């Protein structure tokens, strides 16, 4: 299952990278600002989807392993990571 998601993540990142290069060209060519903003929004959307896929995988693997494990410090560490990610996302 993760292999399919892994390939999906890589494809999405490559697509975002291509869009980002396109944005750089648009800026160099002094393209219309709104067109540049739309492309930036597309890249942000693609990266948000990648983040969601990775977070879902983390919750279904690392977090579950830690919660089921015997080490309370590891559970706390992994849960803290999730909280930290959400706090950082809310500041953006």
N, C-alpha and C. Protein backbone atom coordinates (compact mmCIF):
# COMPACT_ATOMS: atom_id res chain seq x y z
N UNK A 1 0.83 -1.19 0.00
CA UNK A 1 0.00 0.00 0.00
C UNK A 1 0.88 1.26 0.00
N UNK A 2 1.88 1.31 0.88
CA UNK A 2 2.72 2.50 0.95
C UNK A 2 3.47 2.72 -0.36
N UNK A 3 3.82 1.61 -1.06
CA UNK A 3 4.53 1.75 -2.33
C UNK A 3 3.71 2.56 -3.32
N UNK A 4 2.41 2.29 -3.40
CA UNK A 4 1.54 3.05 -4.30
C UNK A 4 1.48 4.51 -3.87
N UNK A 5 1.37 4.74 -2.56
CA UNK A 5 1.33 6.11 -2.06
C UNK A 5 2.67 6.79 -2.29
N UNK A 6 3.75 6.02 -2.12
CA UNK A 6 5.09 6.56 -2.33
C UNK A 6 5.23 7.06 -3.76
N UNK A 7 4.80 6.24 -4.72
CA UNK A 7 4.86 6.65 -6.13
C UNK A 7 3.96 7.86 -6.38
N UNK A 8 2.79 7.88 -5.76
CA UNK A 8 1.86 9.00 -5.88
C UNK A 8 2.50 10.28 -5.35
N UNK A 9 3.14 10.19 -4.20
CA UNK A 9 3.81 11.35 -3.61
C UNK A 9 4.91 11.86 -4.54
N UNK A 10 5.73 10.95 -5.04
CA UNK A 10 6.82 11.37 -5.93
C UNK A 10 6.28 12.02 -7.20
N UNK A 11 5.23 11.45 -7.78
CA UNK A 11 4.64 12.05 -8.98
C UNK A 11 4.10 13.44 -8.70
N UNK A 12 3.42 13.60 -7.57
CA UNK A 12 2.89 14.91 -7.20
C UNK A 12 4.01 15.93 -6.98
N UNK A 13 5.09 15.49 -6.35
CA UNK A 13 6.22 16.39 -6.13
C UNK A 13 6.88 16.80 -7.45
N UNK A 14 7.01 15.85 -8.36
CA UNK A 14 7.59 16.18 -9.67
C UNK A 14 6.70 17.16 -10.43
N UNK A 15 5.40 16.96 -10.33
CA UNK A 15 4.46 17.89 -10.97
C UNK A 15 4.59 19.28 -10.37
N UNK A 16 4.64 19.35 -9.04
CA UNK A 16 4.79 20.64 -8.36
C UNK A 16 6.11 21.29 -8.76
N UNK A 17 7.16 20.49 -8.87
CA UNK A 17 8.46 21.03 -9.28
C UNK A 17 8.37 21.63 -10.68
N UNK A 18 7.68 20.96 -11.59
CA UNK A 18 7.51 21.49 -12.94
C UNK A 18 6.74 22.79 -12.94
N UNK A 19 5.68 22.83 -12.14
CA UNK A 19 4.90 24.07 -12.02
C UNK A 19 5.75 25.20 -11.44
N UNK A 20 6.57 24.87 -10.47
CA UNK A 20 7.42 25.88 -9.84
C UNK A 20 8.42 26.45 -10.85
N UNK A 21 8.98 25.58 -11.67
CA UNK A 21 9.88 26.08 -12.73
C UNK A 21 9.12 26.99 -13.70
N UNK A 22 7.89 26.60 -13.98
CA UNK A 22 7.05 27.43 -14.85
C UNK A 22 6.79 28.80 -14.23
N UNK A 23 6.57 28.82 -12.93
CA UNK A 23 6.36 30.09 -12.23
C UNK A 23 7.61 30.96 -12.32
N UNK A 24 8.76 30.35 -12.16
CA UNK A 24 10.01 31.11 -12.28
C UNK A 24 10.12 31.74 -13.66
N UNK A 25 9.78 30.96 -14.69
CA UNK A 25 9.82 31.51 -16.06
C UNK A 25 8.82 32.65 -16.21
N UNK A 26 7.64 32.46 -15.64
CA UNK A 26 6.61 33.50 -15.73
C UNK A 26 7.10 34.81 -15.10
N UNK A 27 7.76 34.70 -13.96
CA UNK A 27 8.29 35.89 -13.29
C UNK A 27 9.38 36.53 -14.15
N UNK A 28 10.27 35.69 -14.68
CA UNK A 28 11.34 36.21 -15.54
C UNK A 28 10.78 36.92 -16.78
N UNK A 29 9.67 36.40 -17.28
CA UNK A 29 9.06 36.97 -18.49
C UNK A 29 8.04 38.05 -18.17
N UNK A 30 7.95 38.42 -16.89
CA UNK A 30 7.04 39.47 -16.45
C UNK A 30 5.59 39.17 -16.83
N UNK A 31 5.17 37.94 -16.53
CA UNK A 31 3.79 37.51 -16.84
C UNK A 31 2.80 38.26 -15.96
N UNK A 32 1.56 38.17 -16.33
CA UNK A 32 0.47 38.81 -15.61
C UNK A 32 0.41 38.27 -14.18
N UNK A 33 0.36 39.17 -13.21
CA UNK A 33 0.45 38.80 -11.79
C UNK A 33 -0.59 37.76 -11.37
N UNK A 34 -1.82 37.92 -11.82
CA UNK A 34 -2.87 36.99 -11.43
C UNK A 34 -2.58 35.59 -11.96
N UNK A 35 -2.02 35.50 -13.15
CA UNK A 35 -1.65 34.19 -13.69
C UNK A 35 -0.57 33.53 -12.84
N UNK A 36 0.37 34.32 -12.37
CA UNK A 36 1.43 33.80 -11.50
C UNK A 36 0.83 33.33 -10.18
N UNK A 37 -0.06 34.13 -9.62
CA UNK A 37 -0.70 33.76 -8.35
C UNK A 37 -1.47 32.46 -8.49
N UNK A 38 -2.18 32.30 -9.61
CA UNK A 38 -2.93 31.05 -9.83
C UNK A 38 -2.01 29.85 -9.89
N UNK A 39 -0.87 30.02 -10.51
CA UNK A 39 0.09 28.91 -10.58
C UNK A 39 0.68 28.62 -9.20
N UNK A 40 0.92 29.65 -8.43
CA UNK A 40 1.41 29.46 -7.06
C UNK A 40 0.37 28.70 -6.25
N UNK A 41 -0.89 29.06 -6.40
CA UNK A 41 -1.96 28.36 -5.69
C UNK A 41 -2.02 26.89 -6.09
N UNK A 42 -1.78 26.60 -7.36
CA UNK A 42 -1.77 25.21 -7.82
C UNK A 42 -0.64 24.42 -7.15
N UNK A 43 0.53 25.04 -7.04
CA UNK A 43 1.67 24.38 -6.38
C UNK A 43 1.36 24.17 -4.90
N UNK A 44 0.79 25.19 -4.25
CA UNK A 44 0.45 25.06 -2.84
C UNK A 44 -0.56 23.93 -2.64
N UNK A 45 -1.53 23.83 -3.52
CA UNK A 45 -2.54 22.78 -3.43
C UNK A 45 -1.89 21.40 -3.59
N UNK A 46 -0.99 21.29 -4.55
CA UNK A 46 -0.30 20.02 -4.76
C UNK A 46 0.53 19.63 -3.54
N UNK A 47 1.22 20.59 -2.95
CA UNK A 47 2.03 20.30 -1.76
C UNK A 47 1.15 19.97 -0.56
N UNK A 48 0.00 20.62 -0.45
CA UNK A 48 -0.93 20.29 0.63
C UNK A 48 -1.41 18.85 0.50
N UNK A 49 -1.67 18.41 -0.73
CA UNK A 49 -2.10 17.03 -0.94
C UNK A 49 -0.99 16.06 -0.57
N UNK A 50 0.24 16.37 -0.93
CA UNK A 50 1.38 15.53 -0.55
C UNK A 50 1.48 15.45 0.97
N UNK A 51 1.35 16.57 1.61
CA UNK A 51 1.40 16.61 3.07
C UNK A 51 0.30 15.74 3.68
N UNK A 52 -0.89 15.81 3.13
CA UNK A 52 -2.01 14.99 3.63
C UNK A 52 -1.74 13.51 3.46
N UNK A 53 -1.20 13.13 2.32
CA UNK A 53 -0.88 11.72 2.08
C UNK A 53 0.16 11.23 3.08
N UNK A 54 1.21 12.04 3.27
CA UNK A 54 2.27 11.66 4.20
C UNK A 54 1.76 11.59 5.64
N UNK A 55 0.92 12.54 6.01
CA UNK A 55 0.37 12.54 7.37
C UNK A 55 -0.51 11.32 7.59
N UNK A 56 -1.34 10.99 6.61
CA UNK A 56 -2.19 9.80 6.72
C UNK A 56 -1.34 8.55 6.90
N UNK A 57 -0.27 8.45 6.11
CA UNK A 57 0.62 7.30 6.24
C UNK A 57 1.27 7.27 7.62
N UNK A 58 1.70 8.41 8.10
CA UNK A 58 2.34 8.48 9.42
C UNK A 58 1.37 8.04 10.51
N UNK A 59 0.13 8.52 10.42
CA UNK A 59 -0.88 8.15 11.42
C UNK A 59 -1.16 6.65 11.40
N UNK A 60 -1.16 6.07 10.20
CA UNK A 60 -1.48 4.65 10.07
C UNK A 60 -0.30 3.73 10.31
N UNK A 61 0.88 4.28 10.45
CA UNK A 61 2.05 3.43 10.70
C UNK A 61 2.74 3.83 12.01
N UNK A 62 3.46 4.91 11.98
CA UNK A 62 4.28 5.32 13.13
C UNK A 62 3.43 5.58 14.38
N UNK A 63 2.35 6.31 14.21
CA UNK A 63 1.52 6.64 15.37
C UNK A 63 0.88 5.39 15.97
N UNK A 64 0.33 4.54 15.13
CA UNK A 64 -0.31 3.32 15.63
C UNK A 64 0.72 2.43 16.33
N UNK A 65 1.90 2.31 15.74
CA UNK A 65 2.96 1.52 16.36
C UNK A 65 3.32 2.07 17.74
N UNK A 66 3.45 3.38 17.84
CA UNK A 66 3.80 4.00 19.12
C UNK A 66 2.68 3.83 20.15
N UNK A 67 1.44 3.99 19.72
CA UNK A 67 0.31 3.87 20.65
C UNK A 67 0.19 2.44 21.17
N UNK A 68 0.43 1.48 20.32
CA UNK A 68 0.35 0.07 20.71
C UNK A 68 1.59 -0.40 21.48
N UNK A 69 2.65 0.39 21.41
CA UNK A 69 3.91 0.00 22.04
C UNK A 69 3.89 0.15 23.55
N UNK A 70 4.95 -0.32 24.15
CA UNK A 70 5.08 -0.32 25.61
C UNK A 70 5.74 0.93 26.17
N UNK A 71 6.33 1.73 25.31
CA UNK A 71 7.12 2.88 25.77
C UNK A 71 6.26 4.14 25.82
N UNK A 72 5.90 4.60 27.03
CA UNK A 72 5.07 5.79 27.14
C UNK A 72 5.76 7.05 26.61
N UNK A 73 7.09 7.12 26.72
CA UNK A 73 7.81 8.28 26.21
C UNK A 73 7.75 8.34 24.68
N UNK A 74 7.81 7.20 24.04
CA UNK A 74 7.70 7.16 22.58
C UNK A 74 6.30 7.57 22.14
N UNK A 75 5.29 7.11 22.86
CA UNK A 75 3.91 7.53 22.56
C UNK A 75 3.79 9.03 22.65
N UNK A 76 4.29 9.59 23.72
CA UNK A 76 4.22 11.04 23.93
C UNK A 76 4.99 11.80 22.85
N UNK A 77 6.15 11.28 22.46
CA UNK A 77 6.96 11.93 21.42
C UNK A 77 6.21 11.98 20.09
N UNK A 78 5.63 10.86 19.71
CA UNK A 78 4.93 10.79 18.43
C UNK A 78 3.67 11.66 18.45
N UNK A 79 2.95 11.64 19.54
CA UNK A 79 1.77 12.49 19.65
C UNK A 79 2.16 13.97 19.62
N UNK A 80 3.26 14.31 20.27
CA UNK A 80 3.74 15.70 20.27
C UNK A 80 4.09 16.14 18.85
N UNK A 81 4.69 15.24 18.07
CA UNK A 81 5.01 15.56 16.68
C UNK A 81 3.75 15.94 15.90
N UNK A 82 2.67 15.19 16.11
CA UNK A 82 1.42 15.47 15.41
C UNK A 82 0.89 16.85 15.82
N UNK A 83 0.90 17.11 17.11
CA UNK A 83 0.44 18.42 17.59
C UNK A 83 1.30 19.53 17.01
N UNK A 84 2.60 19.34 16.98
CA UNK A 84 3.51 20.35 16.44
C UNK A 84 3.23 20.63 14.96
N UNK A 85 2.95 19.58 14.21
CA UNK A 85 2.63 19.74 12.77
C UNK A 85 1.37 20.57 12.62
N UNK A 86 0.33 20.25 13.38
CA UNK A 86 -0.91 21.00 13.27
C UNK A 86 -0.73 22.45 13.72
N UNK A 87 0.03 22.68 14.77
CA UNK A 87 0.27 24.05 15.20
C UNK A 87 1.02 24.84 14.14
N UNK A 88 2.01 24.22 13.51
CA UNK A 88 2.77 24.90 12.45
C UNK A 88 1.86 25.19 11.26
N UNK A 89 0.97 24.27 10.92
CA UNK A 89 0.06 24.48 9.80
C UNK A 89 -0.90 25.62 10.07
N UNK A 90 -1.29 25.79 11.31
CA UNK A 90 -2.24 26.85 11.62
C UNK A 90 -1.60 28.23 11.57
N UNK A 91 -0.28 28.29 11.63
CA UNK A 91 0.41 29.57 11.59
C UNK A 91 0.66 30.04 10.17
N UNK A 92 0.49 29.15 9.21
CA UNK A 92 0.76 29.50 7.81
C UNK A 92 -0.32 30.37 7.24
